[in-house]
């Protein structure tokens, strides 16, 4: 009986710390374009959200009018294409967040970033740990495997 209680408690702890991936439309209905009234529009949009590894950002834009670049903080701050490590030219662009820490996105079209078409977010690992440490992708499949294993142990404990 003690084994069953221990296994159930472990399952509850695992489920409490689990996070299902969320898909975010960047800018909501406004989409990914030059902010018309507020150059801090995308920062304000991100302020009330918590992003986790395996969440997906959808940048809705018209191909040929905008793009999405993920780059380093210096490139973000200077609105330059230096240190770009991801470029998405076709809209809508779907970007899965694969690591913890800060992520920086800009539109690489001339003048768009300096007009406010830029986004900085902080990504957590989904287990309540602080950002900054690389987390491997695949949280959902590993959660399914863990929960399945727990149920096998529960079944075994009940039958023995």
C-alpha atoms as a PDB file:
ATOM      1  CA  UNK A   1       0.000   0.000   0.000  1.00  0.00           C
ATOM      2  CA  UNK A   2       2.853   2.379   0.792  1.00  0.00           C
ATOM      3  CA  UNK A   3       4.263   1.742  -2.687  1.00  0.00           C
ATOM      4  CA  UNK A   4       0.977   2.749  -4.310  1.00  0.00           C
ATOM      5  CA  UNK A   5       0.854   5.994  -2.307  1.00  0.00           C
ATOM      6  CA  UNK A   6       4.467   6.785  -3.219  1.00  0.00           C
ATOM      7  CA  UNK A   7       3.829   6.163  -6.921  1.00  0.00           C
ATOM      8  CA  UNK A   8       0.654   8.270  -6.896  1.00  0.00           C
ATOM      9  CA  UNK A   9       2.446  11.133  -5.154  1.00  0.00           C
ATOM     10  CA  UNK A  10       5.261  10.971  -7.717  1.00  0.00           C
ATOM     11  CA  UNK A  11       2.723  11.071 -10.549  1.00  0.00           C
ATOM     12  CA  UNK A  12       1.047  14.157  -9.115  1.00  0.00           C
ATOM     13  CA  UNK A  13       4.393  15.938  -8.801  1.00  0.00           C
ATOM     14  CA  UNK A  14       5.266  15.108 -12.419  1.00  0.00           C
ATOM     15  CA  UNK A  15       1.906  16.286 -13.703  1.00  0.00           C
ATOM     16  CA  UNK A  16       2.060  19.506 -11.667  1.00  0.00           C
ATOM     17  CA  UNK A  17       5.367  20.409 -13.294  1.00  0.00           C
ATOM     18  CA  UNK A  18       4.326  19.392 -16.810  1.00  0.00           C
ATOM     19  CA  UNK A  19       3.699  21.970 -19.501  1.00  0.00           C
ATOM     20  CA  UNK A  20       1.832  21.406 -22.728  1.00  0.00           C
ATOM     21  CA  UNK A  21       3.219  23.434 -25.617  1.00  0.00           C
ATOM     22  CA  UNK A  22       1.346  26.625 -26.435  1.00  0.00           C
ATOM     23  CA  UNK A  23       1.118  28.305 -29.832  1.00  0.00           C
ATOM     24  CA  UNK A  24       1.276  32.103 -29.777  1.00  0.00           C
ATOM     25  CA  UNK A  25       0.283  34.373 -32.660  1.00  0.00           C
ATOM     26  CA  UNK A  26       2.867  37.127 -32.289  1.00  0.00           C
ATOM     27  CA  UNK A  27       1.020  40.425 -32.002  1.00  0.00           C
ATOM     28  CA  UNK A  28      -2.313  38.563 -31.831  1.00  0.00           C
ATOM     29  CA  UNK A  29      -4.672  39.875 -34.555  1.00  0.00           C
ATOM     30  CA  UNK A  30      -2.252  42.696 -35.450  1.00  0.00           C
ATOM     31  CA  UNK A  31       0.289  40.153 -36.679  1.00  0.00           C
ATOM     32  CA  UNK A  32       3.950  40.789 -37.500  1.00  0.00           C
ATOM     33  CA  UNK A  33       4.198  44.242 -39.051  1.00  0.00           C
ATOM     34  CA  UNK A  34       5.471  47.708 -38.219  1.00  0.00           C
ATOM     35  CA  UNK A  35       3.613  48.959 -35.138  1.00  0.00           C
ATOM     36  CA  UNK A  36       1.521  51.974 -36.149  1.00  0.00           C
ATOM     37  CA  UNK A  37       1.010  53.698 -32.799  1.00  0.00           C
ATOM     38  CA  UNK A  38       3.355  52.178 -30.219  1.00  0.00           C
ATOM     39  CA  UNK A  39       6.992  51.272 -30.993  1.00  0.00           C
ATOM     40  CA  UNK A  40       6.958  49.076 -27.840  1.00  0.00           C
ATOM     41  CA  UNK A  41       3.938  47.124 -29.104  1.00  0.00           C
ATOM     42  CA  UNK A  42       5.667  43.718 -29.256  1.00  0.00           C
ATOM     43  CA  UNK A  43       7.356  44.177 -25.889  1.00  0.00           C
ATOM     44  CA  UNK A  44       3.985  45.036 -24.363  1.00  0.00           C
ATOM     45  CA  UNK A  45       2.448  42.013 -26.115  1.00  0.00           C
ATOM     46  CA  UNK A  46       5.062  39.667 -24.593  1.00  0.00           C
ATOM     47  CA  UNK A  47       4.965  41.192 -21.086  1.00  0.00           C
ATOM     48  CA  UNK A  48       1.938  39.244 -19.868  1.00  0.00           C
ATOM     49  CA  UNK A  49       3.038  35.894 -21.324  1.00  0.00           C
ATOM     50  CA  UNK A  50       5.305  33.148 -20.037  1.00  0.00           C
ATOM     51  CA  UNK A  51       7.103  31.210 -22.760  1.00  0.00           C
ATOM     52  CA  UNK A  52       8.404  27.672 -22.368  1.00  0.00           C
ATOM     53  CA  UNK A  53      10.621  25.328 -24.371  1.00  0.00           C
ATOM     54  CA  UNK A  54       8.571  23.710 -27.173  1.00  0.00           C
ATOM     55  CA  UNK A  55       6.092  26.596 -27.361  1.00  0.00           C
ATOM     56  CA  UNK A  56       5.566  27.873 -30.908  1.00  0.00           C
ATOM     57  CA  UNK A  57       5.629  31.475 -32.098  1.00  0.00           C
ATOM     58  CA  UNK A  58       3.637  32.179 -35.255  1.00  0.00           C
ATOM     59  CA  UNK A  59       4.695  35.337 -37.058  1.00  0.00           C
ATOM     60  CA  UNK A  60       1.840  36.261 -39.407  1.00  0.00           C
ATOM     61  CA  UNK A  61       3.105  38.448 -42.238  1.00  0.00           C
ATOM     62  CA  UNK A  62       2.861  38.828 -45.986  1.00  0.00           C
ATOM     63  CA  UNK A  63       5.757  37.154 -47.799  1.00  0.00           C
ATOM     64  CA  UNK A  64       7.885  39.776 -49.526  1.00  0.00           C
ATOM     65  CA  UNK A  65       6.880  42.568 -47.142  1.00  0.00           C
ATOM     66  CA  UNK A  66       8.422  41.295 -43.897  1.00  0.00           C
ATOM     67  CA  UNK A  67      10.608  38.503 -42.549  1.00  0.00           C
ATOM     68  CA  UNK A  68      11.713  37.188 -39.163  1.00  0.00           C
ATOM     69  CA  UNK A  69      15.322  37.004 -38.046  1.00  0.00           C
ATOM     70  CA  UNK A  70      16.448  35.448 -34.798  1.00  0.00           C
ATOM     71  CA  UNK A  71      19.728  36.934 -33.716  1.00  0.00           C
ATOM     72  CA  UNK A  72      21.937  37.857 -30.788  1.00  0.00           C
ATOM     73  CA  UNK A  73      21.230  40.620 -28.299  1.00  0.00           C
ATOM     74  CA  UNK A  74      23.757  43.052 -29.869  1.00  0.00           C
ATOM     75  CA  UNK A  75      22.117  42.619 -33.281  1.00  0.00           C
ATOM     76  CA  UNK A  76      18.695  43.117 -31.708  1.00  0.00           C
ATOM     77  CA  UNK A  77      19.781  46.253 -29.840  1.00  0.00           C
ATOM     78  CA  UNK A  78      21.420  47.766 -32.933  1.00  0.00           C
ATOM     79  CA  UNK A  79      18.688  46.573 -35.348  1.00  0.00           C
ATOM     80  CA  UNK A  80      21.313  45.009 -37.601  1.00  0.00           C
ATOM     81  CA  UNK A  81      21.389  41.642 -39.314  1.00  0.00           C
ATOM     82  CA  UNK A  82      24.717  40.797 -37.695  1.00  0.00           C
ATOM     83  CA  UNK A  83      24.857  37.527 -35.787  1.00  0.00           C
ATOM     84  CA  UNK A  84      21.634  36.219 -37.331  1.00  0.00           C
ATOM     85  CA  UNK A  85      21.229  32.480 -36.850  1.00  0.00           C
ATOM     86  CA  UNK A  86      17.678  31.989 -38.152  1.00  0.00           C
ATOM     87  CA  UNK A  87      15.889  33.633 -41.074  1.00  0.00           C
ATOM     88  CA  UNK A  88      12.282  32.981 -42.065  1.00  0.00           C
ATOM     89  CA  UNK A  89      11.206  34.655 -45.315  1.00  0.00           C
ATOM     90  CA  UNK A  90       7.816  33.018 -45.876  1.00  0.00           C
ATOM     91  CA  UNK A  91       4.773  34.056 -43.907  1.00  0.00           C
ATOM     92  CA  UNK A  92       3.332  32.856 -41.719  1.00  0.00           C
ATOM     93  CA  UNK A  93       6.538  31.692 -40.042  1.00  0.00           C
ATOM     94  CA  UNK A  94       6.324  29.114 -37.242  1.00  0.00           C
ATOM     95  CA  UNK A  95       9.253  29.030 -34.839  1.00  0.00           C
ATOM     96  CA  UNK A  96       9.462  26.396 -32.109  1.00  0.00           C
ATOM     97  CA  UNK A  97      11.352  27.551 -29.024  1.00  0.00           C
ATOM     98  CA  UNK A  98      14.010  24.882 -28.461  1.00  0.00           C
ATOM     99  CA  UNK A  99      16.144  26.393 -25.704  1.00  0.00           C
ATOM    100  CA  UNK A 100      15.776  28.393 -22.519  1.00  0.00           C
ATOM    101  CA  UNK A 101      16.946  31.962 -22.072  1.00  0.00           C
ATOM    102  CA  UNK A 102      16.411  35.144 -23.999  1.00  0.00           C
ATOM    103  CA  UNK A 103      15.390  35.051 -27.667  1.00  0.00           C
ATOM    104  CA  UNK A 104      15.625  38.073 -29.959  1.00  0.00           C
ATOM    105  CA  UNK A 105      13.608  38.545 -33.159  1.00  0.00           C
ATOM    106  CA  UNK A 106      13.509  41.411 -35.647  1.00  0.00           C
ATOM    107  CA  UNK A 107      12.189  42.152 -39.095  1.00  0.00           C
ATOM    108  CA  UNK A 108      15.222  42.483 -41.354  1.00  0.00           C
ATOM    109  CA  UNK A 109      13.606  44.880 -43.840  1.00  0.00           C
ATOM    110  CA  UNK A 110      15.192  48.329 -43.825  1.00  0.00           C
ATOM    111  CA  UNK A 111      13.715  50.551 -41.125  1.00  0.00           C
ATOM    112  CA  UNK A 112      11.235  48.016 -39.761  1.00  0.00           C
ATOM    113  CA  UNK A 113      13.189  47.055 -36.627  1.00  0.00           C
ATOM    114  CA  UNK A 114      14.010  50.659 -35.724  1.00  0.00           C
ATOM    115  CA  UNK A 115      10.282  51.440 -36.076  1.00  0.00           C
ATOM    116  CA  UNK A 116       9.498  48.806 -33.437  1.00  0.00           C
ATOM    117  CA  UNK A 117       9.113  45.540 -35.364  1.00  0.00           C
ATOM    118  CA  UNK A 118      11.185  43.565 -32.879  1.00  0.00           C
ATOM    119  CA  UNK A 119      10.470  41.088 -30.116  1.00  0.00           C
ATOM    120  CA  UNK A 120      12.473  39.958 -27.099  1.00  0.00           C
ATOM    121  CA  UNK A 121      11.223  37.051 -24.995  1.00  0.00           C
ATOM    122  CA  UNK A 122      12.471  34.975 -22.089  1.00  0.00           C
ATOM    123  CA  UNK A 123      11.956  31.207 -22.393  1.00  0.00           C
ATOM    124  CA  UNK A 124      11.705  28.865 -19.395  1.00  0.00           C
ATOM    125  CA  UNK A 125      12.120  25.105 -19.346  1.00  0.00           C
ATOM    126  CA  UNK A 126       8.587  24.255 -18.175  1.00  0.00           C
ATOM    127  CA  UNK A 127       9.689  22.684 -14.897  1.00  0.00           C
ATOM    128  CA  UNK A 128       9.921  25.902 -12.917  1.00  0.00           C
ATOM    129  CA  UNK A 129      13.684  26.204 -13.311  1.00  0.00           C
ATOM    130  CA  UNK A 130      15.260  29.510 -14.150  1.00  0.00           C
ATOM    131  CA  UNK A 131      16.178  30.217 -17.780  1.00  0.00           C
ATOM    132  CA  UNK A 132      19.675  30.149 -19.165  1.00  0.00           C
ATOM    133  CA  UNK A 133      20.419  26.434 -19.253  1.00  0.00           C
ATOM    134  CA  UNK A 134      19.975  24.523 -22.491  1.00  0.00           C
ATOM    135  CA  UNK A 135      17.051  22.092 -22.379  1.00  0.00           C
ATOM    136  CA  UNK A 136      16.717  19.366 -24.979  1.00  0.00           C
ATOM    137  CA  UNK A 137      13.528  19.403 -27.044  1.00  0.00           C
ATOM    138  CA  UNK A 138      10.817  16.814 -26.693  1.00  0.00           C
ATOM    139  CA  UNK A 139       9.127  17.607 -23.379  1.00  0.00           C
ATOM    140  CA  UNK A 140       5.724  16.239 -24.394  1.00  0.00           C
ATOM    141  CA  UNK A 141       6.910  12.787 -25.576  1.00  0.00           C
ATOM    142  CA  UNK A 142       9.065  12.361 -22.468  1.00  0.00           C
ATOM    143  CA  UNK A 143       6.078  13.293 -20.279  1.00  0.00           C
ATOM    144  CA  UNK A 144       3.940  10.652 -21.986  1.00  0.00           C
ATOM    145  CA  UNK A 145       6.670   8.055 -21.448  1.00  0.00           C
ATOM    146  CA  UNK A 146       7.048   9.035 -17.788  1.00  0.00           C
ATOM    147  CA  UNK A 147       3.313   8.918 -17.077  1.00  0.00           C
ATOM    148  CA  UNK A 148       3.047   5.572 -18.888  1.00  0.00           C
ATOM    149  CA  UNK A 149       5.871   4.167 -16.797  1.00  0.00           C
ATOM    150  CA  UNK A 150       4.218   5.387 -13.604  1.00  0.00           C
ATOM    151  CA  UNK A 151       0.974   3.639 -14.532  1.00  0.00           C
ATOM    152  CA  UNK A 152       2.878   0.405 -15.212  1.00  0.00           C
ATOM    153  CA  UNK A 153       4.350   0.621 -11.711  1.00  0.00           C
ATOM    154  CA  UNK A 154       0.919   1.299 -10.214  1.00  0.00           C
ATOM    155  CA  UNK A 155      -0.543  -1.702 -11.997  1.00  0.00           C
ATOM    156  CA  UNK A 156       2.366  -3.892 -10.858  1.00  0.00           C
ATOM    157  CA  UNK A 157       1.997  -2.688  -7.268  1.00  0.00           C
ATOM    158  CA  UNK A 158      -1.727  -3.409  -7.256  1.00  0.00           C
ATOM    159  CA  UNK A 159      -1.284  -6.902  -8.691  1.00  0.00           C
ATOM    160  CA  UNK A 160       1.489  -7.947  -6.316  1.00  0.00           C
END
